Amino acid sequence: MYHFTPAGVCAREITYDVVDGKVHGVHFEGGCNGSGKGVAALAEGHTPEELIALLKDIECKTKGTSCPAQLARALEQMLEGGQPQ
């Protein structure tokens, strides 16, 4: 299981698994409950690359980032070979 501490959003932590190249079990700790569950459900079974392309440029209000964008950042870090932090 991967753990990521997002920056600039209400969620305090994002956790997820990657099994056979597909993302599973995304969970946002904190933040907007419905939005986190929605992103998690939509992310289920997609490749990290697909999710990065879909999510990386999404912004929330005027923060310049969002929970979906932070998930994309976590996946980018994972693909770069490091444990997301």
PDB file of N, CA and C in Angstrom:
ATOM      1  N   MET A   1       0.841  -1.170   0.000  1.00  0.00           N
ATOM      2  CA  MET A   1       0.000   0.000   0.000  1.00  0.00           C
ATOM      3  C   MET A   1       0.892   1.240   0.000  1.00  0.00           C
ATOM      4  N   TYR A   2       0.523   2.197  -0.798  1.00  0.00           N
ATOM      5  CA  TYR A   2       1.238   3.460  -0.874  1.00  0.00           C
ATOM      6  C   TYR A   2       0.520   4.505  -0.033  1.00  0.00           C
ATOM      7  N   HIS A   3       1.308   5.375   0.597  1.00  0.00           N
ATOM      8  CA  HIS A   3       0.789   6.468   1.412  1.00  0.00           C
ATOM      9  C   HIS A   3       1.370   7.768   0.875  1.00  0.00           C
ATOM     10  N   PHE A   4       0.526   8.769   0.733  1.00  0.00           N
ATOM     11  CA  PHE A   4       0.960  10.068   0.205  1.00  0.00           C
ATOM     12  C   PHE A   4       0.346  11.166   1.049  1.00  0.00           C
ATOM     13  N   THR A   5       1.173  12.132   1.445  1.00  0.00           N
ATOM     14  CA  THR A   5       0.689  13.295   2.178  1.00  0.00           C
ATOM     15  C   THR A   5       0.520  14.435   1.183  1.00  0.00           C
ATOM     16  N   PRO A   6      -0.724  14.776   0.851  1.00  0.00           N
ATOM     17  CA  PRO A   6      -0.963  15.818  -0.150  1.00  0.00           C
ATOM     18  C   PRO A   6      -0.653  17.209   0.394  1.00  0.00           C
ATOM     19  N   ALA A   7      -0.442  18.137  -0.515  1.00  0.00           N
ATOM     20  CA  ALA A   7      -0.172  19.533  -0.153  1.00  0.00           C
ATOM     21  C   ALA A   7      -1.216  20.435  -0.795  1.00  0.00           C
ATOM     22  N   GLY A   8      -1.668  21.431  -0.044  1.00  0.00           N
ATOM     23  CA  GLY A   8      -2.567  22.433  -0.588  1.00  0.00           C
ATOM     24  C   GLY A   8      -4.019  22.022  -0.713  1.00  0.00           C
ATOM     25  N   VAL A   9      -4.399  20.923  -0.074  1.00  0.00           N
ATOM     26  CA  VAL A   9      -5.788  20.444  -0.128  1.00  0.00           C
ATOM     27  C   VAL A   9      -6.252  20.077   1.285  1.00  0.00           C
ATOM     28  N   CYS A  10      -7.539  19.831   1.420  1.00  0.00           N
ATOM     29  CA  CYS A  10      -8.108  19.491   2.727  1.00  0.00           C
ATOM     30  C   CYS A  10      -7.776  18.069   3.169  1.00  0.00           C
ATOM     31  N   ALA A  11      -7.630  17.145   2.229  1.00  0.00           N
ATOM     32  CA  ALA A  11      -7.298  15.761   2.581  1.00  0.00           C
ATOM     33  C   ALA A  11      -5.931  15.715   3.252  1.00  0.00           C
ATOM     34  N   ARG A  12      -5.815  14.886   4.289  1.00  0.00           N
ATOM     35  CA  ARG A  12      -4.566  14.766   5.033  1.00  0.00           C
ATOM     36  C   ARG A  12      -3.665  13.646   4.520  1.00  0.00           C
ATOM     37  N   GLU A  13      -4.277  12.642   3.883  1.00  0.00           N
ATOM     38  CA  GLU A  13      -3.506  11.504   3.387  1.00  0.00           C
ATOM     39  C   GLU A  13      -4.288  10.833   2.265  1.00  0.00           C
ATOM     40  N   ILE A  14      -3.541  10.297   1.300  1.00  0.00           N
ATOM     41  CA  ILE A  14      -4.123   9.486   0.229  1.00  0.00           C
ATOM     42  C   ILE A  14      -3.408   8.139   0.278  1.00  0.00           C
ATOM     43  N   THR A  15      -4.192   7.066   0.316  1.00  0.00           N
ATOM     44  CA  THR A  15      -3.614   5.731   0.258  1.00  0.00           C
ATOM     45  C   THR A  15      -4.204   4.996  -0.939  1.00  0.00           C
ATOM     46  N   TYR A  16      -3.424   4.073  -1.475  1.00  0.00           N
ATOM     47  CA  TYR A  16      -3.875   3.279  -2.622  1.00  0.00           C
ATOM     48  C   TYR A  16      -2.936   2.103  -2.820  1.00  0.00           C
ATOM     49  N   ASP A  17      -3.383   1.142  -3.593  1.00  0.00           N
ATOM     50  CA  ASP A  17      -2.571   0.004  -4.006  1.00  0.00           C
ATOM     51  C   ASP A  17      -2.460   0.009  -5.521  1.00  0.00           C
ATOM     52  N   VAL A  18      -1.408  -0.612  -6.021  1.00  0.00           N
ATOM     53  CA  VAL A  18      -1.281  -0.883  -7.452  1.00  0.00           C
ATOM     54  C   VAL A  18      -1.016  -2.373  -7.581  1.00  0.00           C
ATOM     55  N   VAL A  19      -1.945  -3.064  -8.236  1.00  0.00           N
ATOM     56  CA  VAL A  19      -1.853  -4.513  -8.406  1.00  0.00           C
ATOM     57  C   VAL A  19      -1.940  -4.811  -9.892  1.00  0.00           C
ATOM     58  N   ASP A  20      -0.952  -5.521 -10.398  1.00  0.00           N
ATOM     59  CA  ASP A  20      -0.897  -5.864 -11.822  1.00  0.00           C
ATOM     60  C   ASP A  20      -1.057  -4.630 -12.703  1.00  0.00           C
ATOM     61  N   GLY A  21      -0.432  -3.530 -12.286  1.00  0.00           N
ATOM     62  CA  GLY A  21      -0.431  -2.320 -13.091  1.00  0.00           C
ATOM     63  C   GLY A  21      -1.703  -1.492 -13.024  1.00  0.00           C
ATOM     64  N   LYS A  22      -2.620  -1.839 -12.118  1.00  0.00           N
ATOM     65  CA  LYS A  22      -3.899  -1.119 -11.991  1.00  0.00           C
ATOM     66  C   LYS A  22      -4.049  -0.580 -10.567  1.00  0.00           C
ATOM     67  N   VAL A  23      -4.641   0.604 -10.480  1.00  0.00           N
ATOM     68  CA  VAL A  23      -4.850   1.252  -9.183  1.00  0.00           C
ATOM     69  C   VAL A  23      -6.103   0.699  -8.516  1.00  0.00           C
ATOM     70  N   HIS A  24      -5.976   0.413  -7.219  1.00  0.00           N
ATOM     71  CA  HIS A  24      -7.095  -0.132  -6.447  1.00  0.00           C
ATOM     72  C   HIS A  24      -7.109   0.494  -5.055  1.00  0.00           C
ATOM     73  N   GLY A  25      -8.280   0.537  -4.463  1.00  0.00           N
ATOM     74  CA  GLY A  25      -8.424   0.897  -3.066  1.00  0.00           C
ATOM     75  C   GLY A  25      -8.005   2.308  -2.704  1.00  0.00           C
ATOM     76  N   VAL A  26      -8.235   3.270  -3.584  1.00  0.00           N
ATOM     77  CA  VAL A  26      -7.887   4.658  -3.270  1.00  0.00           C
ATOM     78  C   VAL A  26      -8.746   5.133  -2.104  1.00  0.00           C
ATOM     79  N   HIS A  27      -8.091   5.797  -1.150  1.00  0.00           N
ATOM     80  CA  HIS A  27      -8.813   6.349   0.000  1.00  0.00           C
ATOM     81  C   HIS A  27      -8.223   7.705   0.349  1.00  0.00           C
ATOM     82  N   PHE A  28      -9.102   8.702   0.480  1.00  0.00           N
ATOM     83  CA  PHE A  28      -8.708  10.040   0.910  1.00  0.00           C
ATOM     84  C   PHE A  28      -9.091  10.186   2.374  1.00  0.00           C
ATOM     85  N   GLU A  29      -8.126  10.478   3.226  1.00  0.00           N
ATOM     86  CA  GLU A  29      -8.389  10.725   4.638  1.00  0.00           C
ATOM     87  C   GLU A  29      -8.585  12.220   4.822  1.00  0.00           C
ATOM     88  N   GLY A  30      -9.791  12.604   5.228  1.00  0.00           N
ATOM     89  CA  GLY A  30     -10.116  14.020   5.358  1.00  0.00           C
ATOM     90  C   GLY A  30     -10.599  14.565   4.029  1.00  0.00           C
ATOM     91  N   GLY A  31     -10.867  15.851   4.016  1.00  0.00           N
ATOM     92  CA  GLY A  31     -11.368  16.472   2.791  1.00  0.00           C
ATOM     93  C   GLY A  31     -12.849  16.208   2.594  1.00  0.00           C
ATOM     94  N   CYS A  32     -13.311  16.451   1.393  1.00  0.00           N
ATOM     95  CA  CYS A  32     -14.732  16.281   1.056  1.00  0.00           C
ATOM     96  C   CYS A  32     -15.038  14.795   0.884  1.00  0.00           C
ATOM     97  N   ASN A  33     -15.835  14.253   1.758  1.00  0.00           N
ATOM     98  CA  ASN A  33     -16.116  12.828   1.776  1.00  0.00           C
ATOM     99  C   ASN A  33     -16.673  12.327   0.448  1.00  0.00           C
ATOM    100  N   GLY A  34     -17.677  12.997  -0.077  1.00  0.00           N
ATOM    101  CA  GLY A  34     -18.291  12.548  -1.324  1.00  0.00           C
ATOM    102  C   GLY A  34     -17.345  12.634  -2.503  1.00  0.00           C
ATOM    103  N   SER A  35     -16.590  13.718  -2.580  1.00  0.00           N
ATOM    104  CA  SER A  35     -15.637  13.879  -3.683  1.00  0.00           C
ATOM    105  C   SER A  35     -14.550  12.817  -3.618  1.00  0.00           C
ATOM    106  N   GLY A  36     -14.037  12.577  -2.422  1.00  0.00           N
ATOM    107  CA  GLY A  36     -13.006  11.552  -2.265  1.00  0.00           C
ATOM    108  C   GLY A  36     -13.496  10.182  -2.677  1.00  0.00           C
ATOM    109  N   LYS A  37     -14.721   9.842  -2.254  1.00  0.00           N
ATOM    110  CA  LYS A  37     -15.295   8.545  -2.629  1.00  0.00           C
ATOM    111  C   LYS A  37     -15.549   8.476  -4.128  1.00  0.00           C
ATOM    112  N   GLY A  38     -15.972   9.591  -4.721  1.00  0.00           N
ATOM    113  CA  GLY A  38     -16.221   9.610  -6.161  1.00  0.00           C
ATOM    114  C   GLY A  38     -14.951   9.410  -6.962  1.00  0.00           C
ATOM    115  N   VAL A  39     -13.892  10.139  -6.598  1.00  0.00           N
ATOM    116  CA  VAL A  39     -12.606   9.983  -7.290  1.00  0.00           C
ATOM    117  C   VAL A  39     -12.096   8.560  -7.109  1.00  0.00           C
ATOM    118  N   ALA A  40     -12.207   8.031  -5.900  1.00  0.00           N
ATOM    119  CA  ALA A  40     -11.743   6.664  -5.633  1.00  0.00           C
ATOM    120  C   ALA A  40     -12.480   5.650  -6.506  1.00  0.00           C
ATOM    121  N   ALA A  41     -13.793   5.792  -6.614  1.00  0.00           N
ATOM    122  CA  ALA A  41     -14.580   4.854  -7.422  1.00  0.00           C
ATOM    123  C   ALA A  41     -14.209   4.953  -8.896  1.00  0.00           C
ATOM    124  N   LEU A  42     -14.005   6.163  -9.381  1.00  0.00           N
ATOM    125  CA  LEU A  42     -13.664   6.346 -10.794  1.00  0.00           C
ATOM    126  C   LEU A  42     -12.239   5.902 -11.106  1.00  0.00           C
ATOM    127  N   ALA A  43     -11.351   5.989 -10.121  1.00  0.00           N
ATOM    128  CA  ALA A  43      -9.954   5.595 -10.326  1.00  0.00           C
ATOM    129  C   ALA A  43      -9.775   4.084 -10.350  1.00  0.00           C
ATOM    130  N   GLU A  44     -10.671   3.363  -9.722  1.00  0.00           N
ATOM    131  CA  GLU A  44     -10.553   1.913  -9.555  1.00  0.00           C
ATOM    132  C   GLU A  44     -10.332   1.193 -10.885  1.00  0.00           C
ATOM    133  N   GLY A  45      -9.237   0.438 -10.946  1.00  0.00           N
ATOM    134  CA  GLY A  45      -8.962  -0.408 -12.102  1.00  0.00           C
ATOM    135  C   GLY A  45      -8.258   0.265 -13.265  1.00  0.00           C
ATOM    136  N   HIS A  46      -7.943   1.544 -13.144  1.00  0.00           N
ATOM    137  CA  HIS A  46      -7.227   2.261 -14.206  1.00  0.00           C
ATOM    138  C   HIS A  46      -5.724   2.181 -13.962  1.00  0.00           C
ATOM    139  N   THR A  47      -4.951   2.372 -14.999  1.00  0.00           N
ATOM    140  CA  THR A  47      -3.503   2.409 -14.839  1.00  0.00           C
ATOM    141  C   THR A  47      -3.099   3.758 -14.252  1.00  0.00           C
ATOM    142  N   PRO A  48      -1.956   3.801 -13.584  1.00  0.00           N
ATOM    143  CA  PRO A  48      -1.478   5.089 -13.084  1.00  0.00           C
ATOM    144  C   PRO A  48      -1.348   6.128 -14.198  1.00  0.00           C
ATOM    145  N   GLU A  49      -0.863   5.706 -15.345  1.00  0.00           N
ATOM    146  CA  GLU A  49      -0.676   6.646 -16.461  1.00  0.00           C
ATOM    147  C   GLU A  49      -2.004   7.251 -16.919  1.00  0.00           C
ATOM    148  N   GLU A  50      -3.044   6.427 -16.993  1.00  0.00           N
ATOM    149  CA  GLU A  50      -4.373   6.938 -17.363  1.00  0.00           C
ATOM    150  C   GLU A  50      -4.854   7.976 -16.362  1.00  0.00           C
ATOM    151  N   LEU A  51      -4.683   7.675 -15.089  1.00  0.00           N
ATOM    152  CA  LEU A  51      -5.161   8.582 -14.049  1.00  0.00           C
ATOM    153  C   LEU A  51      -4.368   9.880 -14.013  1.00  0.00           C
ATOM    154  N   ILE A  52      -3.062   9.790 -14.198  1.00  0.00           N
ATOM    155  CA  ILE A  52      -2.244  11.003 -14.235  1.00  0.00           C
ATOM    156  C   ILE A  52      -2.721  11.918 -15.353  1.00  0.00           C
ATOM    157  N   ALA A  53      -2.928  11.363 -16.533  1.00  0.00           N
ATOM    158  CA  ALA A  53      -3.384  12.171 -17.675  1.00  0.00           C
ATOM    159  C   ALA A  53      -4.740  12.814 -17.408  1.00  0.00           C
ATOM    160  N   LEU A  54      -5.621  12.117 -16.732  1.00  0.00           N
ATOM    161  CA  LEU A  54      -6.967  12.634 -16.459  1.00  0.00           C
ATOM    162  C   LEU A  54      -7.008  13.648 -15.318  1.00  0.00           C
ATOM    163  N   LEU A  55      -6.176  13.486 -14.310  1.00  0.00           N
ATOM    164  CA  LEU A  55      -6.345  14.209 -13.055  1.00  0.00           C
ATOM    165  C   LEU A  55      -5.347  15.323 -12.778  1.00  0.00           C
ATOM    166  N   LYS A  56      -4.198  15.314 -13.425  1.00  0.00           N
ATOM    167  CA  LYS A  56      -3.107  16.188 -12.983  1.00  0.00           C
ATOM    168  C   LYS A  56      -3.391  17.682 -13.080  1.00  0.00           C
ATOM    169  N   ASP A  57      -4.266  18.108 -13.961  1.00  0.00           N
ATOM    170  CA  ASP A  57      -4.511  19.543 -14.143  1.00  0.00           C
ATOM    171  C   ASP A  57      -5.804  20.044 -13.508  1.00  0.00           C
ATOM    172  N   ILE A  58      -6.445  19.223 -12.688  1.00  0.00           N
ATOM    173  CA  ILE A  58      -7.690  19.639 -12.043  1.00  0.00           C
ATOM    174  C   ILE A  58      -7.365  20.554 -10.863  1.00  0.00           C
ATOM    175  N   GLU A  59      -8.045  21.694 -10.804  1.00  0.00           N
ATOM    176  CA  GLU A  59      -7.846  22.638  -9.701  1.00  0.00           C
ATOM    177  C   GLU A  59      -9.114  22.760  -8.875  1.00  0.00           C
ATOM    178  N   CYS A  60      -8.940  23.026  -7.594  1.00  0.00           N
ATOM    179  CA  CYS A  60     -10.037  23.242  -6.660  1.00  0.00           C
ATOM    180  C   CYS A  60      -9.970  24.692  -6.196  1.00  0.00           C
ATOM    181  N   LYS A  61     -11.018  25.424  -6.459  1.00  0.00           N
ATOM    182  CA  LYS A  61     -11.075  26.840  -6.074  1.00  0.00           C
ATOM    183  C   LYS A  61      -9.853  27.561  -6.622  1.00  0.00           C
ATOM    184  N   THR A  62      -9.144  28.285  -5.787  1.00  0.00           N
ATOM    185  CA  THR A  62      -7.980  29.050  -6.255  1.00  0.00           C
ATOM    186  C   THR A  62      -6.671  28.480  -5.727  1.00  0.00           C
ATOM    187  N   LYS A  63      -6.682  27.229  -5.331  1.00  0.00           N
ATOM    188  CA  LYS A  63      -5.509  26.618  -4.700  1.00  0.00           C
ATOM    189  C   LYS A  63      -4.434  26.185  -5.695  1.00  0.00           C
ATOM    190  N   GLY A  64      -4.778  26.067  -6.964  1.00  0.00           N
ATOM    191  CA  GLY A  64      -3.814  25.610  -7.947  1.00  0.00           C
ATOM    192  C   GLY A  64      -3.612  24.102  -7.944  1.00  0.00           C
ATOM    193  N   THR A  65      -4.352  23.400  -7.119  1.00  0.00           N
ATOM    194  CA  THR A  65      -4.288  21.944  -7.073  1.00  0.00           C
ATOM    195  C   THR A  65      -5.649  21.436  -6.597  1.00  0.00           C
ATOM    196  N   SER A  66      -5.759  20.140  -6.388  1.00  0.00           N
ATOM    197  CA  SER A  66      -6.995  19.522  -5.918  1.00  0.00           C
ATOM    198  C   SER A  66      -6.652  18.138  -5.399  1.00  0.00           C
ATOM    199  N   CYS A  67      -7.608  17.507  -4.759  1.00  0.00           N
ATOM    200  CA  CYS A  67      -7.377  16.123  -4.323  1.00  0.00           C
ATOM    201  C   CYS A  67      -7.102  15.202  -5.519  1.00  0.00           C
ATOM    202  N   PRO A  68      -7.869  15.301  -6.631  1.00  0.00           N
ATOM    203  CA  PRO A  68      -7.532  14.475  -7.778  1.00  0.00           C
ATOM    204  C   PRO A  68      -6.117  14.760  -8.316  1.00  0.00           C
ATOM    205  N   ALA A  69      -5.733  16.025  -8.363  1.00  0.00           N
ATOM    206  CA  ALA A  69      -4.388  16.377  -8.836  1.00  0.00           C
ATOM    207  C   ALA A  69      -3.316  15.844  -7.898  1.00  0.00           C
ATOM    208  N   GLN A  70      -3.612  15.831  -6.607  1.00  0.00           N
ATOM    209  CA  GLN A  70      -2.652  15.279  -5.654  1.00  0.00           C
ATOM    210  C   GLN A  70      -2.532  13.764  -5.796  1.00  0.00           C
ATOM    211  N   LEU A  71      -3.617  13.092  -6.140  1.00  0.00           N
ATOM    212  CA  LEU A  71      -3.531  11.661  -6.445  1.00  0.00           C
ATOM    213  C   LEU A  71      -2.632  11.452  -7.657  1.00  0.00           C
ATOM    214  N   ALA A  72      -2.786  12.285  -8.665  1.00  0.00           N
ATOM    215  CA  ALA A  72      -1.921  12.190  -9.846  1.00  0.00           C
ATOM    216  C   ALA A  72      -0.458  12.388  -9.454  1.00  0.00           C
ATOM    217  N   ARG A  73      -0.185  13.351  -8.567  1.00  0.00           N
ATOM    218  CA  ARG A  73       1.187  13.595  -8.124  1.00  0.00           C
ATOM    219  C   ARG A  73       1.744  12.379  -7.372  1.00  0.00           C
ATOM    220  N   ALA A  74       0.917  11.760  -6.540  1.00  0.00           N
ATOM    221  CA  ALA A  74       1.346  10.553  -5.827  1.00  0.00           C
ATOM    222  C   ALA A  74       1.714   9.446  -6.807  1.00  0.00           C
ATOM    223  N   LEU A  75       0.897   9.285  -7.828  1.00  0.00           N
ATOM    224  CA  LEU A  75       1.157   8.249  -8.835  1.00  0.00           C
ATOM    225  C   LEU A  75       2.411   8.569  -9.643  1.00  0.00           C
ATOM    226  N   GLU A  76       2.624   9.851  -9.950  1.00  0.00           N
ATOM    227  CA  GLU A  76       3.849  10.242 -10.652  1.00  0.00           C
ATOM    228  C   GLU A  76       5.077   9.877  -9.830  1.00  0.00           C
ATOM    229  N   GLN A  77       5.048  10.188  -8.544  1.00  0.00           N
ATOM    230  CA  GLN A  77       6.175   9.858  -7.675  1.00  0.00           C
ATOM    231  C   GLN A  77       6.412   8.355  -7.614  1.00  0.00           C
ATOM    232  N   MET A  78       5.335   7.593  -7.559  1.00  0.00           N
ATOM    233  CA  MET A  78       5.463   6.134  -7.530  1.00  0.00           C
ATOM    234  C   MET A  78       6.145   5.643  -8.806  1.00  0.00           C
ATOM    235  N   LEU A  79       5.710   6.172  -9.956  1.00  0.00           N
ATOM    236  CA  LEU A  79       6.290   5.735 -11.224  1.00  0.00           C
ATOM    237  C   LEU A  79       7.746   6.155 -11.381  1.00  0.00           C
ATOM    238  N   GLU A  80       8.115   7.235 -10.708  1.00  0.00           N
ATOM    239  CA  GLU A  80       9.514   7.690 -10.731  1.00  0.00           C
ATOM    240  C   GLU A  80      10.398   6.810  -9.852  1.00  0.00           C
ATOM    241  N   GLY A  81       9.777   5.860  -9.184  1.00  0.00           N
ATOM    242  CA  GLY A  81      10.551   4.893  -8.417  1.00  0.00           C
ATOM    243  C   GLY A  81      10.631   5.139  -6.927  1.00  0.00           C
ATOM    244  N   GLY A  82       9.897   6.117  -6.467  1.00  0.00           N
ATOM    245  CA  GLY A  82       9.941   6.398  -5.032  1.00  0.00           C
ATOM    246  C   GLY A  82       8.606   6.188  -4.375  1.00  0.00           C
ATOM    247  N   GLN A  83       8.674   5.888  -3.098  1.00  0.00           N
ATOM    248  CA  GLN A  83       7.452   5.795  -2.289  1.00  0.00           C
ATOM    249  C   GLN A  83       6.898   7.207  -2.174  1.00  0.00           C
ATOM    250  N   PRO A  84       5.644   7.447  -2.567  1.00  0.00           N
ATOM    251  CA  PRO A  84       5.071   8.775  -2.362  1.00  0.00           C
ATOM    252  C   PRO A  84       5.117   9.157  -0.902  1.00  0.00           C
ATOM    253  N   GLN A  85       5.255  10.465  -0.639  1.00  0.00           N
ATOM    254  CA  GLN A  85       5.299  10.916   0.738  1.00  0.00           C
ATOM    255  C   GLN A  85       4.291  11.998   0.970  1.00  0.00           C
TER     256      GLN A  85
END
